[in-house]
Protein backbone atom coordinates (compact mmCIF):
# COMPACT_ATOMS: atom_id res chain seq x y z
CA MET A 1 102.37 120.58 83.71
CA THR A 2 99.02 122.07 82.87
CA VAL A 3 95.67 121.37 84.47
CA PHE A 4 94.73 119.40 81.35
CA GLU A 5 97.80 117.17 81.75
CA LEU A 6 96.91 116.64 85.42
CA GLU A 7 93.41 115.59 84.35
CA GLN A 8 95.02 113.09 81.98
CA CYS A 9 97.10 111.76 84.89
CA ILE A 10 93.92 111.35 86.93
CA GLU A 11 92.29 109.43 84.09
CA ALA A 12 95.38 107.29 83.49
CA TYR A 13 96.40 106.55 87.09
CA GLY A 14 93.33 107.41 89.17
CA THR A 15 92.05 103.87 89.66
CA GLU A 16 95.52 102.56 90.53
CA VAL A 17 96.15 105.36 93.01
CA TYR A 18 92.71 104.82 94.57
CA SER A 19 93.30 101.09 94.81
CA PHE A 20 96.65 101.75 96.51
CA CYS A 21 95.01 104.19 98.94
CA LEU A 22 92.36 101.60 99.74
CA HIS A 23 94.95 98.93 100.46
CA LEU A 24 97.05 101.36 102.47
CA THR A 25 94.24 102.61 104.70
CA GLY A 26 92.00 99.56 104.78
CA VAL A 27 88.86 101.71 105.12
CA ARG A 28 86.93 103.05 102.15
CA GLU A 29 86.15 106.46 103.72
CA TRP A 30 89.80 107.07 104.59
CA ALA A 31 90.84 105.90 101.14
CA ASP A 32 88.43 108.39 99.55
CA GLU A 33 89.87 111.18 101.66
CA LEU A 34 93.47 110.16 100.97
CA TYR A 35 92.77 109.89 97.24
CA GLN A 36 91.27 113.38 97.13
CA ASP A 37 94.07 114.84 99.24
CA THR A 38 96.65 113.22 96.95
CA PHE A 39 95.30 114.90 93.84
CA LEU A 40 94.68 118.21 95.66
CA THR A 41 98.32 118.20 96.74
CA ALA A 42 99.38 117.34 93.20
CA MET A 43 97.28 120.26 91.95
CA GLU A 44 98.87 122.62 94.49
CA HIS A 45 102.36 121.46 93.48
CA ILE A 46 101.67 121.19 89.78
CA THR A 47 105.03 122.71 88.83
CA GLN A 48 106.86 120.21 91.04
CA LEU A 49 104.88 117.39 89.45
CA HIS A 50 106.11 118.58 86.07
CA ASN A 51 109.73 118.86 87.19
CA ASP A 52 109.97 115.67 89.29
CA ALA A 53 107.80 113.20 87.47
CA ASP A 54 108.24 113.62 83.74
CA ALA A 55 109.20 109.97 83.43
CA ASN A 56 106.68 108.54 85.88
CA PRO A 57 103.86 110.69 87.30
CA LYS A 58 102.29 107.58 88.86
CA SER A 59 105.35 107.19 91.06
CA TYR A 60 105.06 110.81 92.16
CA LEU A 61 101.36 110.41 92.97
CA LEU A 62 102.03 107.27 95.01
CA SER A 63 104.76 109.03 96.96
CA VAL A 64 102.37 111.90 97.71
CA ALA A 65 99.76 109.40 98.95
CA ILE A 66 102.32 107.67 101.18
CA ARG A 67 103.57 110.97 102.59
CA LEU A 68 100.02 112.19 103.31
CA TRP A 69 99.09 108.88 104.96
CA LYS A 70 102.16 108.94 107.19
CA ASN A 71 101.42 112.54 108.18
CA LYS A 72 97.82 111.65 109.06
CA ARG A 73 98.95 108.67 111.13
CA ARG A 74 101.53 110.80 112.93
CA LYS A 75 98.95 113.51 113.68
CA ALA A 76 96.45 110.92 114.89
CA ALA A 77 99.06 109.40 117.20
CA TRP A 78 99.89 112.83 118.58
CA ARG A 79 96.22 113.67 119.15
CA LYS A 80 95.68 110.28 120.77
CA ARG A 81 98.40 111.08 123.30
CA ILE A 82 96.74 114.40 124.11
CA ALA A 83 93.09 113.29 124.02
CA PRO A 84 92.16 109.69 123.23
CA GLU A 85 90.03 109.15 120.14
CA GLN A 86 89.70 106.55 117.39
CA SER A 87 93.02 105.53 115.88
CA MET A 88 93.78 105.54 112.16
CA ASP A 89 94.28 101.74 112.13
CA ALA A 90 91.91 99.86 109.87
CA PRO A 91 89.29 97.61 111.41
CA GLY A 92 89.79 93.87 111.05
CA GLY A 93 87.40 93.33 108.15
CA ALA A 94 88.77 92.41 104.77
CA ILE A 95 88.16 94.61 101.76
CA PRO A 96 87.31 92.80 98.55
CA VAL A 97 89.99 93.43 95.95
CA GLY A 98 88.34 91.98 92.86
CA GLU A 99 85.65 89.79 91.46
CA VAL A 100 85.87 86.02 91.67
CA GLU A 101 86.99 84.63 88.31
CA LEU A 102 84.62 82.35 86.45
CA THR A 103 85.91 78.79 86.36
CA ASP A 104 84.64 75.26 85.83
CA SER A 105 83.28 74.65 89.31
CA ILE A 106 81.81 76.61 92.14
CA GLU A 107 84.14 74.86 94.57
CA THR A 108 87.18 76.23 92.76
CA GLU A 109 85.71 79.73 92.85
CA VAL A 110 85.03 79.50 96.56
CA LEU A 111 88.54 78.18 97.27
CA ARG A 112 90.18 80.95 95.25
CA ALA A 113 88.08 83.62 96.92
CA GLU A 114 88.98 82.23 100.35
CA GLU A 115 92.69 82.15 99.46
CA ARG A 116 92.54 85.77 98.30
CA ARG A 117 90.76 86.79 101.47
CA GLN A 118 93.35 85.03 103.63
CA VAL A 119 96.27 86.56 101.74
CA GLN A 120 94.68 90.01 101.87
CA SER A 121 94.02 89.80 105.60
CA ALA A 122 97.60 88.59 106.15
CA VAL A 123 98.96 91.58 104.20
CA GLU A 124 96.69 93.94 106.13
CA ALA A 125 98.01 92.49 109.39
CA LEU A 126 101.61 93.35 108.50
CA PRO A 127 103.23 96.33 110.23
CA GLU A 128 102.92 99.45 108.09
CA LYS A 129 106.57 99.63 107.05
CA TYR A 130 106.32 96.12 105.58
CA ARG A 131 102.81 96.51 104.20
CA VAL A 132 103.72 99.62 102.18
CA VAL A 133 106.71 97.88 100.58
CA VAL A 134 104.65 94.78 99.75
CA LEU A 135 101.86 96.86 98.20
CA LEU A 136 104.27 98.91 96.11
CA TYR A 137 106.23 95.86 94.94
CA TYR A 138 103.43 93.39 94.24
CA MET A 139 100.36 95.54 93.65
CA GLU A 140 101.93 98.48 91.85
CA GLU A 141 104.77 96.36 90.41
CA LEU A 142 107.40 99.03 91.06
CA PRO A 143 111.10 98.10 90.93
CA LEU A 144 113.08 98.12 94.17
CA GLU A 145 115.06 101.25 93.26
CA GLN A 146 111.88 103.20 92.58
CA ILE A 147 110.34 102.07 95.88
CA ALA A 148 113.52 103.20 97.63
CA SER A 149 113.29 106.65 96.06
CA LEU A 150 109.56 106.90 96.86
CA LEU A 151 110.09 106.08 100.52
CA HIS A 152 113.41 107.94 100.78
CA ILE A 153 115.24 104.89 102.10
CA PRO A 154 118.18 102.86 100.74
CA SER A 155 117.37 100.03 98.33
CA GLY A 156 118.97 97.58 100.76
CA THR A 157 116.36 98.57 103.34
CA VAL A 158 113.61 97.94 100.79
CA LYS A 159 115.04 94.48 100.08
CA SER A 160 115.28 93.76 103.79
CA ARG A 161 111.70 94.88 104.47
CA LEU A 162 110.44 92.84 101.52
CA TYR A 163 112.30 89.78 102.83
CA GLN A 164 110.93 90.26 106.34
CA ALA A 165 107.40 90.80 104.99
CA ARG A 166 107.59 87.59 102.95
CA LYS A 167 108.85 85.74 106.01
CA LEU A 168 105.96 87.05 108.13
CA LEU A 169 103.45 86.25 105.39
CA ARG A 170 104.86 82.75 105.00
CA GLN A 171 104.37 82.16 108.73
CA GLN A 172 100.83 83.53 108.69
CA LEU A 173 99.82 81.60 105.57
CA GLU A 174 101.55 78.33 106.42
CA VAL A 175 98.24 76.50 106.68
CA LEU A 176 97.10 77.80 103.30
CA LEU A 177 100.36 76.81 101.60
CA ASP A 178 100.29 73.28 103.03
CA GLU A 179 96.95 72.52 101.40
């Protein structure tokens, strides 16, 4: 893959990769850093990108982002054991995902925005191993087999984590679903 082809990948998948990084980290500054590191790593391993991801470079870029995020979390945990500092966990605030859609009434808009905020905060509250699978499956719309290859785990484990994540989300959003 040439530098020009990598630039085309950035144009084609950049916003999706950034959005994934933002959901994964939960903090805009960390998402910016992860996004930059993802494409720097892709640039450093440009031959591997060509060999591994001919069919789906987006999948390769997402796997790089996940790997970098896990490494940063592991390093932060190690440093925290040695000398306490701020953890890599996102603060509790919700990050807006999109604009509120225009509808007939303001009440409907407010209700939809509130539902989105509740669902987003519930997803952010999931343990990382469940959150990553949920984001890849629902946000990036990747098939189970591709998620399994990205995370280097069996597809049965992906199915199990997705089931457990849905179960946890159902419990957290029970009030929202009853209305």
